[in-house]
Amino acid sequence: MSTPVTSVTIESLTEACNERLGATHVEAKDISGGCGQNFELKIVSAMFEGKTTLQKHRMVNEALKDQIALVHAFSQKSFTPAQWEAQQQ
């Protein structure tokens, strides 16, 4: 049985994305001004291949539901490796 989530950090979000979504790159940012209640994530994963934006967001929401429940605001951008590479150019 997994340990219940009691607080959310950049590190815990990154670790959850890596473990649950097979993320190859995660950029997590606390944009709350320091209170830890508003996070922005960019997630790159091959698991997003062939998925619509809505499907990718649902995958992320399901994978991070315990963390999302503990914060005031959460925004995400999800990319396949090819989409991320194209965005970097």
PDB file of N, CA and C in Angstrom:
ATOM      1  N   MET A   1       0.847  -1.175   0.000  1.00  0.00           N
ATOM      2  CA  MET A   1       0.000   0.000   0.000  1.00  0.00           C
ATOM      3  C   MET A   1       0.894   1.240   0.000  1.00  0.00           C
ATOM      4  N   SER A   2       0.541   2.241  -0.814  1.00  0.00           N
ATOM      5  CA  SER A   2       1.367   3.443  -0.905  1.00  0.00           C
ATOM      6  C   SER A   2       1.102   4.380   0.268  1.00  0.00           C
ATOM      7  N   THR A   3       2.107   5.202   0.533  1.00  0.00           N
ATOM      8  CA  THR A   3       2.010   6.178   1.606  1.00  0.00           C
ATOM      9  C   THR A   3       1.111   7.325   1.155  1.00  0.00           C
ATOM     10  N   PRO A   4       0.186   7.776   1.999  1.00  0.00           N
ATOM     11  CA  PRO A   4      -0.694   8.870   1.601  1.00  0.00           C
ATOM     12  C   PRO A   4       0.105  10.162   1.403  1.00  0.00           C
ATOM     13  N   VAL A   5      -0.314  10.960   0.423  1.00  0.00           N
ATOM     14  CA  VAL A   5       0.325  12.237   0.153  1.00  0.00           C
ATOM     15  C   VAL A   5      -0.195  13.255   1.150  1.00  0.00           C
ATOM     16  N   THR A   6       0.734  13.934   1.840  1.00  0.00           N
ATOM     17  CA  THR A   6       0.320  14.927   2.828  1.00  0.00           C
ATOM     18  C   THR A   6       0.755  16.336   2.460  1.00  0.00           C
ATOM     19  N   SER A   7       1.725  16.463   1.557  1.00  0.00           N
ATOM     20  CA  SER A   7       2.139  17.771   1.073  1.00  0.00           C
ATOM     21  C   SER A   7       2.652  17.626  -0.353  1.00  0.00           C
ATOM     22  N   VAL A   8       2.677  18.744  -1.060  1.00  0.00           N
ATOM     23  CA  VAL A   8       3.088  18.732  -2.456  1.00  0.00           C
ATOM     24  C   VAL A   8       4.303  19.627  -2.615  1.00  0.00           C
ATOM     25  N   THR A   9       5.319  19.078  -3.277  1.00  0.00           N
ATOM     26  CA  THR A   9       6.533  19.832  -3.574  1.00  0.00           C
ATOM     27  C   THR A   9       6.880  19.633  -5.038  1.00  0.00           C
ATOM     28  N   ILE A  10       7.767  20.453  -5.536  1.00  0.00           N
ATOM     29  CA  ILE A  10       8.251  20.281  -6.905  1.00  0.00           C
ATOM     30  C   ILE A  10       8.846  18.890  -7.059  1.00  0.00           C
ATOM     31  N   GLU A  11       9.590  18.470  -6.060  1.00  0.00           N
ATOM     32  CA  GLU A  11      10.234  17.157  -6.099  1.00  0.00           C
ATOM     33  C   GLU A  11       9.208  16.024  -6.122  1.00  0.00           C
ATOM     34  N   SER A  12       8.162  16.131  -5.313  1.00  0.00           N
ATOM     35  CA  SER A  12       7.167  15.052  -5.273  1.00  0.00           C
ATOM     36  C   SER A  12       6.374  14.975  -6.578  1.00  0.00           C
ATOM     37  N   LEU A  13       6.092  16.121  -7.183  1.00  0.00           N
ATOM     38  CA  LEU A  13       5.402  16.124  -8.471  1.00  0.00           C
ATOM     39  C   LEU A  13       6.278  15.514  -9.565  1.00  0.00           C
ATOM     40  N   THR A  14       7.549  15.900  -9.576  1.00  0.00           N
ATOM     41  CA  THR A  14       8.480  15.371 -10.570  1.00  0.00           C
ATOM     42  C   THR A  14       8.625  13.865 -10.423  1.00  0.00           C
ATOM     43  N   GLU A  15       8.791  13.402  -9.202  1.00  0.00           N
ATOM     44  CA  GLU A  15       8.938  11.971  -8.944  1.00  0.00           C
ATOM     45  C   GLU A  15       7.688  11.198  -9.379  1.00  0.00           C
ATOM     46  N   ALA A  16       6.510  11.739  -9.084  1.00  0.00           N
ATOM     47  CA  ALA A  16       5.267  11.070  -9.467  1.00  0.00           C
ATOM     48  C   ALA A  16       5.132  10.998 -10.990  1.00  0.00           C
ATOM     49  N   CYS A  17       5.505  12.058 -11.690  1.00  0.00           N
ATOM     50  CA  CYS A  17       5.449  12.053 -13.160  1.00  0.00           C
ATOM     51  C   CYS A  17       6.408  11.013 -13.734  1.00  0.00           C
ATOM     52  N   ASN A  18       7.592  10.943 -13.171  1.00  0.00           N
ATOM     53  CA  ASN A  18       8.579   9.971 -13.641  1.00  0.00           C
ATOM     54  C   ASN A  18       8.090   8.544 -13.417  1.00  0.00           C
ATOM     55  N   GLU A  19       7.578   8.270 -12.234  1.00  0.00           N
ATOM     56  CA  GLU A  19       7.154   6.917 -11.876  1.00  0.00           C
ATOM     57  C   GLU A  19       5.862   6.491 -12.569  1.00  0.00           C
ATOM     58  N   ARG A  20       4.869   7.369 -12.587  1.00  0.00           N
ATOM     59  CA  ARG A  20       3.536   6.978 -13.049  1.00  0.00           C
ATOM     60  C   ARG A  20       3.291   7.233 -14.530  1.00  0.00           C
ATOM     61  N   LEU A  21       4.054   8.163 -15.109  1.00  0.00           N
ATOM     62  CA  LEU A  21       3.833   8.511 -16.515  1.00  0.00           C
ATOM     63  C   LEU A  21       5.038   8.199 -17.395  1.00  0.00           C
ATOM     64  N   GLY A  22       6.083   7.655 -16.804  1.00  0.00           N
ATOM     65  CA  GLY A  22       7.285   7.360 -17.570  1.00  0.00           C
ATOM     66  C   GLY A  22       7.887   8.604 -18.193  1.00  0.00           C
ATOM     67  N   ALA A  23       7.791   9.724 -17.486  1.00  0.00           N
ATOM     68  CA  ALA A  23       8.262  11.001 -18.021  1.00  0.00           C
ATOM     69  C   ALA A  23       9.763  10.968 -18.275  1.00  0.00           C
ATOM     70  N   THR A  24      10.150  11.523 -19.411  1.00  0.00           N
ATOM     71  CA  THR A  24      11.567  11.652 -19.742  1.00  0.00           C
ATOM     72  C   THR A  24      12.072  13.051 -19.419  1.00  0.00           C
ATOM     73  N   HIS A  25      11.148  13.977 -19.221  1.00  0.00           N
ATOM     74  CA  HIS A  25      11.506  15.347 -18.848  1.00  0.00           C
ATOM     75  C   HIS A  25      10.325  15.952 -18.104  1.00  0.00           C
ATOM     76  N   VAL A  26      10.610  16.620 -16.991  1.00  0.00           N
ATOM     77  CA  VAL A  26       9.573  17.315 -16.229  1.00  0.00           C
ATOM     78  C   VAL A  26      10.122  18.673 -15.812  1.00  0.00           C
ATOM     79  N   GLU A  27       9.344  19.706 -16.064  1.00  0.00           N
ATOM     80  CA  GLU A  27       9.648  21.038 -15.538  1.00  0.00           C
ATOM     81  C   GLU A  27       8.501  21.397 -14.611  1.00  0.00           C
ATOM     82  N   ALA A  28       8.789  21.454 -13.325  1.00  0.00           N
ATOM     83  CA  ALA A  28       7.778  21.800 -12.336  1.00  0.00           C
ATOM     84  C   ALA A  28       8.155  23.135 -11.720  1.00  0.00           C
ATOM     85  N   LYS A  29       7.162  23.991 -11.595  1.00  0.00           N
ATOM     86  CA  LYS A  29       7.405  25.325 -11.076  1.00  0.00           C
ATOM     87  C   LYS A  29       6.334  25.672 -10.048  1.00  0.00           C
ATOM     88  N   ASP A  30       6.761  26.168  -8.896  1.00  0.00           N
ATOM     89  CA  ASP A  30       5.835  26.677  -7.885  1.00  0.00           C
ATOM     90  C   ASP A  30       5.604  28.143  -8.227  1.00  0.00           C
ATOM     91  N   ILE A  31       4.409  28.462  -8.718  1.00  0.00           N
ATOM     92  CA  ILE A  31       4.113  29.834  -9.111  1.00  0.00           C
ATOM     93  C   ILE A  31       3.196  30.527  -8.103  1.00  0.00           C
ATOM     94  N   SER A  32       3.226  30.023  -6.867  1.00  0.00           N
ATOM     95  CA  SER A  32       2.342  30.541  -5.831  1.00  0.00           C
ATOM     96  C   SER A  32       2.961  31.671  -5.025  1.00  0.00           C
ATOM     97  N   GLY A  33       4.215  31.969  -5.276  1.00  0.00           N
ATOM     98  CA  GLY A  33       4.872  32.986  -4.461  1.00  0.00           C
ATOM     99  C   GLY A  33       5.425  32.399  -3.176  1.00  0.00           C
ATOM    100  N   GLY A  34       5.549  31.084  -3.123  1.00  0.00           N
ATOM    101  CA  GLY A  34       6.183  30.446  -1.978  1.00  0.00           C
ATOM    102  C   GLY A  34       5.290  29.658  -1.046  1.00  0.00           C
ATOM    103  N   CYS A  35       3.982  29.730  -1.221  1.00  0.00           N
ATOM    104  CA  CYS A  35       3.095  29.006  -0.291  1.00  0.00           C
ATOM    105  C   CYS A  35       2.873  27.557  -0.707  1.00  0.00           C
ATOM    106  N   GLY A  36       3.326  27.178  -1.906  1.00  0.00           N
ATOM    107  CA  GLY A  36       3.200  25.791  -2.342  1.00  0.00           C
ATOM    108  C   GLY A  36       1.796  25.367  -2.696  1.00  0.00           C
ATOM    109  N   GLN A  37       0.980  26.294  -3.182  1.00  0.00           N
ATOM    110  CA  GLN A  37      -0.410  25.972  -3.498  1.00  0.00           C
ATOM    111  C   GLN A  37      -0.778  26.152  -4.967  1.00  0.00           C
ATOM    112  N   ASN A  38       0.208  26.505  -5.820  1.00  0.00           N
ATOM    113  CA  ASN A  38      -0.068  26.729  -7.233  1.00  0.00           C
ATOM    114  C   ASN A  38       1.130  26.241  -8.041  1.00  0.00           C
ATOM    115  N   PHE A  39       0.916  25.199  -8.820  1.00  0.00           N
ATOM    116  CA  PHE A  39       2.010  24.582  -9.564  1.00  0.00           C
ATOM    117  C   PHE A  39       1.723  24.568 -11.056  1.00  0.00           C
ATOM    118  N   GLU A  40       2.803  24.685 -11.820  1.00  0.00           N
ATOM    119  CA  GLU A  40       2.755  24.607 -13.272  1.00  0.00           C
ATOM    120  C   GLU A  40       3.717  23.500 -13.690  1.00  0.00           C
ATOM    121  N   LEU A  41       3.238  22.579 -14.528  1.00  0.00           N
ATOM    122  CA  LEU A  41       4.078  21.463 -14.968  1.00  0.00           C
ATOM    123  C   LEU A  41       4.141  21.372 -16.484  1.00  0.00           C
ATOM    124  N   LYS A  42       5.322  21.029 -16.982  1.00  0.00           N
ATOM    125  CA  LYS A  42       5.520  20.621 -18.365  1.00  0.00           C
ATOM    126  C   LYS A  42       6.048  19.200 -18.288  1.00  0.00           C
ATOM    127  N   ILE A  43       5.371  18.283 -18.961  1.00  0.00           N
ATOM    128  CA  ILE A  43       5.690  16.858 -18.853  1.00  0.00           C
ATOM    129  C   ILE A  43       5.900  16.281 -20.247  1.00  0.00           C
ATOM    130  N   VAL A  44       7.004  15.565 -20.419  1.00  0.00           N
ATOM    131  CA  VAL A  44       7.301  14.899 -21.685  1.00  0.00           C
ATOM    132  C   VAL A  44       7.301  13.392 -21.430  1.00  0.00           C
ATOM    133  N   SER A  45       6.486  12.670 -22.199  1.00  0.00           N
ATOM    134  CA  SER A  45       6.409  11.221 -22.017  1.00  0.00           C
ATOM    135  C   SER A  45       6.001  10.546 -23.318  1.00  0.00           C
ATOM    136  N   ALA A  46       6.625   9.423 -23.595  1.00  0.00           N
ATOM    137  CA  ALA A  46       6.241   8.612 -24.757  1.00  0.00           C
ATOM    138  C   ALA A  46       4.841   8.030 -24.578  1.00  0.00           C
ATOM    139  N   MET A  47       4.361   7.965 -23.344  1.00  0.00           N
ATOM    140  CA  MET A  47       3.013   7.452 -23.090  1.00  0.00           C
ATOM    141  C   MET A  47       1.939   8.359 -23.698  1.00  0.00           C
ATOM    142  N   PHE A  48       2.303   9.585 -24.058  1.00  0.00           N
ATOM    143  CA  PHE A  48       1.353  10.523 -24.654  1.00  0.00           C
ATOM    144  C   PHE A  48       1.213  10.348 -26.168  1.00  0.00           C
ATOM    145  N   GLU A  49       2.030   9.484 -26.767  1.00  0.00           N
ATOM    146  CA  GLU A  49       1.976   9.267 -28.214  1.00  0.00           C
ATOM    147  C   GLU A  49       0.570   8.841 -28.632  1.00  0.00           C
ATOM    148  N   GLY A  50       0.047   9.485 -29.668  1.00  0.00           N
ATOM    149  CA  GLY A  50      -1.253   9.131 -30.216  1.00  0.00           C
ATOM    150  C   GLY A  50      -2.446   9.605 -29.409  1.00  0.00           C
ATOM    151  N   LYS A  51      -2.199  10.372 -28.359  1.00  0.00           N
ATOM    152  CA  LYS A  51      -3.276  10.853 -27.488  1.00  0.00           C
ATOM    153  C   LYS A  51      -3.632  12.303 -27.841  1.00  0.00           C
ATOM    154  N   THR A  52      -4.906  12.650 -27.681  1.00  0.00           N
ATOM    155  CA  THR A  52      -5.326  14.039 -27.835  1.00  0.00           C
ATOM    156  C   THR A  52      -4.895  14.815 -26.593  1.00  0.00           C
ATOM    157  N   THR A  53      -4.964  16.124 -26.674  1.00  0.00           N
ATOM    158  CA  THR A  53      -4.622  16.953 -25.516  1.00  0.00           C
ATOM    159  C   THR A  53      -5.498  16.583 -24.324  1.00  0.00           C
ATOM    160  N   LEU A  54      -6.778  16.401 -24.544  1.00  0.00           N
ATOM    161  CA  LEU A  54      -7.685  16.030 -23.454  1.00  0.00           C
ATOM    162  C   LEU A  54      -7.298  14.685 -22.847  1.00  0.00           C
ATOM    163  N   GLN A  55      -6.961  13.709 -23.667  1.00  0.00           N
ATOM    164  CA  GLN A  55      -6.555  12.401 -23.157  1.00  0.00           C
ATOM    165  C   GLN A  55      -5.275  12.506 -22.328  1.00  0.00           C
ATOM    166  N   LYS A  56      -4.324  13.311 -22.799  1.00  0.00           N
ATOM    167  CA  LYS A  56      -3.073  13.498 -22.043  1.00  0.00           C
ATOM    168  C   LYS A  56      -3.356  14.153 -20.700  1.00  0.00           C
ATOM    169  N   HIS A  57      -4.208  15.170 -20.699  1.00  0.00           N
ATOM    170  CA  HIS A  57      -4.527  15.849 -19.443  1.00  0.00           C
ATOM    171  C   HIS A  57      -5.232  14.919 -18.474  1.00  0.00           C
ATOM    172  N   ARG A  58      -6.105  14.082 -18.989  1.00  0.00           N
ATOM    173  CA  ARG A  58      -6.782  13.109 -18.117  1.00  0.00           C
ATOM    174  C   ARG A  58      -5.792  12.112 -17.524  1.00  0.00           C
ATOM    175  N   MET A  59      -4.810  11.692 -18.331  1.00  0.00           N
ATOM    176  CA  MET A  59      -3.774  10.774 -17.824  1.00  0.00           C
ATOM    177  C   MET A  59      -3.000  11.430 -16.683  1.00  0.00           C
ATOM    178  N   VAL A  60      -2.613  12.677 -16.874  1.00  0.00           N
ATOM    179  CA  VAL A  60      -1.863  13.401 -15.843  1.00  0.00           C
ATOM    180  C   VAL A  60      -2.736  13.591 -14.598  1.00  0.00           C
ATOM    181  N   ASN A  61      -3.971  14.018 -14.790  1.00  0.00           N
ATOM    182  CA  ASN A  61      -4.868  14.232 -13.648  1.00  0.00           C
ATOM    183  C   ASN A  61      -5.063  12.951 -12.842  1.00  0.00           C
ATOM    184  N   GLU A  62      -5.188  11.829 -13.520  1.00  0.00           N
ATOM    185  CA  GLU A  62      -5.347  10.550 -12.825  1.00  0.00           C
ATOM    186  C   GLU A  62      -4.066  10.175 -12.070  1.00  0.00           C
ATOM    187  N   ALA A  63      -2.929  10.360 -12.728  1.00  0.00           N
ATOM    188  CA  ALA A  63      -1.647   9.989 -12.107  1.00  0.00           C
ATOM    189  C   ALA A  63      -1.320  10.869 -10.903  1.00  0.00           C
ATOM    190  N   LEU A  64      -1.756  12.119 -10.933  1.00  0.00           N
ATOM    191  CA  LEU A  64      -1.403  13.069  -9.864  1.00  0.00           C
ATOM    192  C   LEU A  64      -2.594  13.477  -9.005  1.00  0.00           C
ATOM    193  N   LYS A  65      -3.666  12.696  -9.034  1.00  0.00           N
ATOM    194  CA  LYS A  65      -4.893  13.113  -8.352  1.00  0.00           C
ATOM    195  C   LYS A  65      -4.712  13.387  -6.863  1.00  0.00           C
ATOM    196  N   ASP A  66      -3.873  12.618  -6.175  1.00  0.00           N
ATOM    197  CA  ASP A  66      -3.667  12.854  -4.742  1.00  0.00           C
ATOM    198  C   ASP A  66      -2.967  14.187  -4.500  1.00  0.00           C
ATOM    199  N   GLN A  67      -1.983  14.512  -5.341  1.00  0.00           N
ATOM    200  CA  GLN A  67      -1.266  15.775  -5.200  1.00  0.00           C
ATOM    201  C   GLN A  67      -2.160  16.960  -5.587  1.00  0.00           C
ATOM    202  N   ILE A  68      -2.890  16.815  -6.692  1.00  0.00           N
ATOM    203  CA  ILE A  68      -3.747  17.900  -7.169  1.00  0.00           C
ATOM    204  C   ILE A  68      -4.808  18.251  -6.127  1.00  0.00           C
ATOM    205  N   ALA A  69      -5.300  17.256  -5.416  1.00  0.00           N
ATOM    206  CA  ALA A  69      -6.336  17.485  -4.397  1.00  0.00           C
ATOM    207  C   ALA A  69      -5.837  18.365  -3.255  1.00  0.00           C
ATOM    208  N   LEU A  70      -4.530  18.453  -3.076  1.00  0.00           N
ATOM    209  CA  LEU A  70      -3.970  19.208  -1.955  1.00  0.00           C
ATOM    210  C   LEU A  70      -3.556  20.636  -2.303  1.00  0.00           C
ATOM    211  N   VAL A  71      -3.670  21.028  -3.567  1.00  0.00           N
ATOM    212  CA  VAL A  71      -3.236  22.369  -3.955  1.00  0.00           C
ATOM    213  C   VAL A  71      -4.419  23.208  -4.437  1.00  0.00           C
ATOM    214  N   HIS A  72      -4.205  24.510  -4.473  1.00  0.00           N
ATOM    215  CA  HIS A  72      -5.252  25.438  -4.900  1.00  0.00           C
ATOM    216  C   HIS A  72      -5.384  25.469  -6.419  1.00  0.00           C
ATOM    217  N   ALA A  73      -4.238  25.462  -7.115  1.00  0.00           N
ATOM    218  CA  ALA A  73      -4.270  25.554  -8.581  1.00  0.00           C
ATOM    219  C   ALA A  73      -3.161  24.702  -9.182  1.00  0.00           C
ATOM    220  N   PHE A  74      -3.457  24.132 -10.332  1.00  0.00           N
ATOM    221  CA  PHE A  74      -2.523  23.241 -11.016  1.00  0.00           C
ATOM    222  C   PHE A  74      -2.724  23.411 -12.514  1.00  0.00           C
ATOM    223  N   SER A  75      -1.652  23.698 -13.240  1.00  0.00           N
ATOM    224  CA  SER A  75      -1.753  23.764 -14.695  1.00  0.00           C
ATOM    225  C   SER A  75      -0.695  22.855 -15.294  1.00  0.00           C
ATOM    226  N   GLN A  76      -1.007  22.326 -16.463  1.00  0.00           N
ATOM    227  CA  GLN A  76      -0.109  21.355 -17.086  1.00  0.00           C
ATOM    228  C   GLN A  76      -0.039  21.560 -18.588  1.00  0.00           C
ATOM    229  N   LYS A  77       1.117  21.222 -19.110  1.00  0.00           N
ATOM    230  CA  LYS A  77       1.319  21.117 -20.549  1.00  0.00           C
ATOM    231  C   LYS A  77       2.021  19.790 -20.752  1.00  0.00           C
ATOM    232  N   SER A  78       1.457  18.962 -21.617  1.00  0.00           N
ATOM    233  CA  SER A  78       2.013  17.628 -21.821  1.00  0.00           C
ATOM    234  C   SER A  78       2.425  17.465 -23.284  1.00  0.00           C
ATOM    235  N   PHE A  79       3.584  16.835 -23.468  1.00  0.00           N
ATOM    236  CA  PHE A  79       4.177  16.698 -24.787  1.00  0.00           C
ATOM    237  C   PHE A  79       4.689  15.279 -25.017  1.00  0.00           C
ATOM    238  N   THR A  80       4.639  14.841 -26.268  1.00  0.00           N
ATOM    239  CA  THR A  80       5.373  13.640 -26.650  1.00  0.00           C
ATOM    240  C   THR A  80       6.832  14.069 -26.824  1.00  0.00           C
ATOM    241  N   PRO A  81       7.771  13.136 -26.852  1.00  0.00           N
ATOM    242  CA  PRO A  81       9.168  13.530 -27.083  1.00  0.00           C
ATOM    243  C   PRO A  81       9.342  14.319 -28.384  1.00  0.00           C
ATOM    244  N   ALA A  82       8.651  13.939 -29.457  1.00  0.00           N
ATOM    245  CA  ALA A  82       8.764  14.647 -30.733  1.00  0.00           C
ATOM    246  C   ALA A  82       8.207  16.063 -30.636  1.00  0.00           C
ATOM    247  N   GLN A  83       7.084  16.217 -29.950  1.00  0.00           N
ATOM    248  CA  GLN A  83       6.493  17.553 -29.772  1.00  0.00           C
ATOM    249  C   GLN A  83       7.430  18.444 -28.958  1.00  0.00           C
ATOM    250  N   TRP A  84       8.027  17.880 -27.923  1.00  0.00           N
ATOM    251  CA  TRP A  84       8.938  18.647 -27.079  1.00  0.00           C
ATOM    252  C   TRP A  84      10.183  19.075 -27.870  1.00  0.00           C
ATOM    253  N   GLU A  85      10.708  18.153 -28.646  1.00  0.00           N
ATOM    254  CA  GLU A  85      11.897  18.461 -29.443  1.00  0.00           C
ATOM    255  C   GLU A  85      11.587  19.587 -30.437  1.00  0.00           C
ATOM    256  N   ALA A  86      10.434  19.524 -31.091  1.00  0.00           N
ATOM    257  CA  ALA A  86      10.041  20.564 -32.054  1.00  0.00           C
ATOM    258  C   ALA A  86       9.856  21.907 -31.351  1.00  0.00           C
ATOM    259  N   GLN A  87       9.356  21.895 -30.136  1.00  0.00           N
ATOM    260  CA  GLN A  87       9.128  23.125 -29.383  1.00  0.00           C
ATOM    261  C   GLN A  87      10.447  23.788 -28.974  1.00  0.00           C
ATOM    262  N   GLN A  88      11.487  23.004 -28.819  1.00  0.00           N
ATOM    263  CA  GLN A  88      12.780  23.525 -28.372  1.00  0.00           C
ATOM    264  C   GLN A  88      13.560  24.213 -29.484  1.00  0.00           C
ATOM    265  N   GLN A  89      13.094  24.069 -30.716  1.00  0.00           N
ATOM    266  CA  GLN A  89      13.831  24.656 -31.858  1.00  0.00           C
ATOM    267  C   GLN A  89      13.347  26.029 -32.206  1.00  0.00           C
TER     268      GLN A  89
END
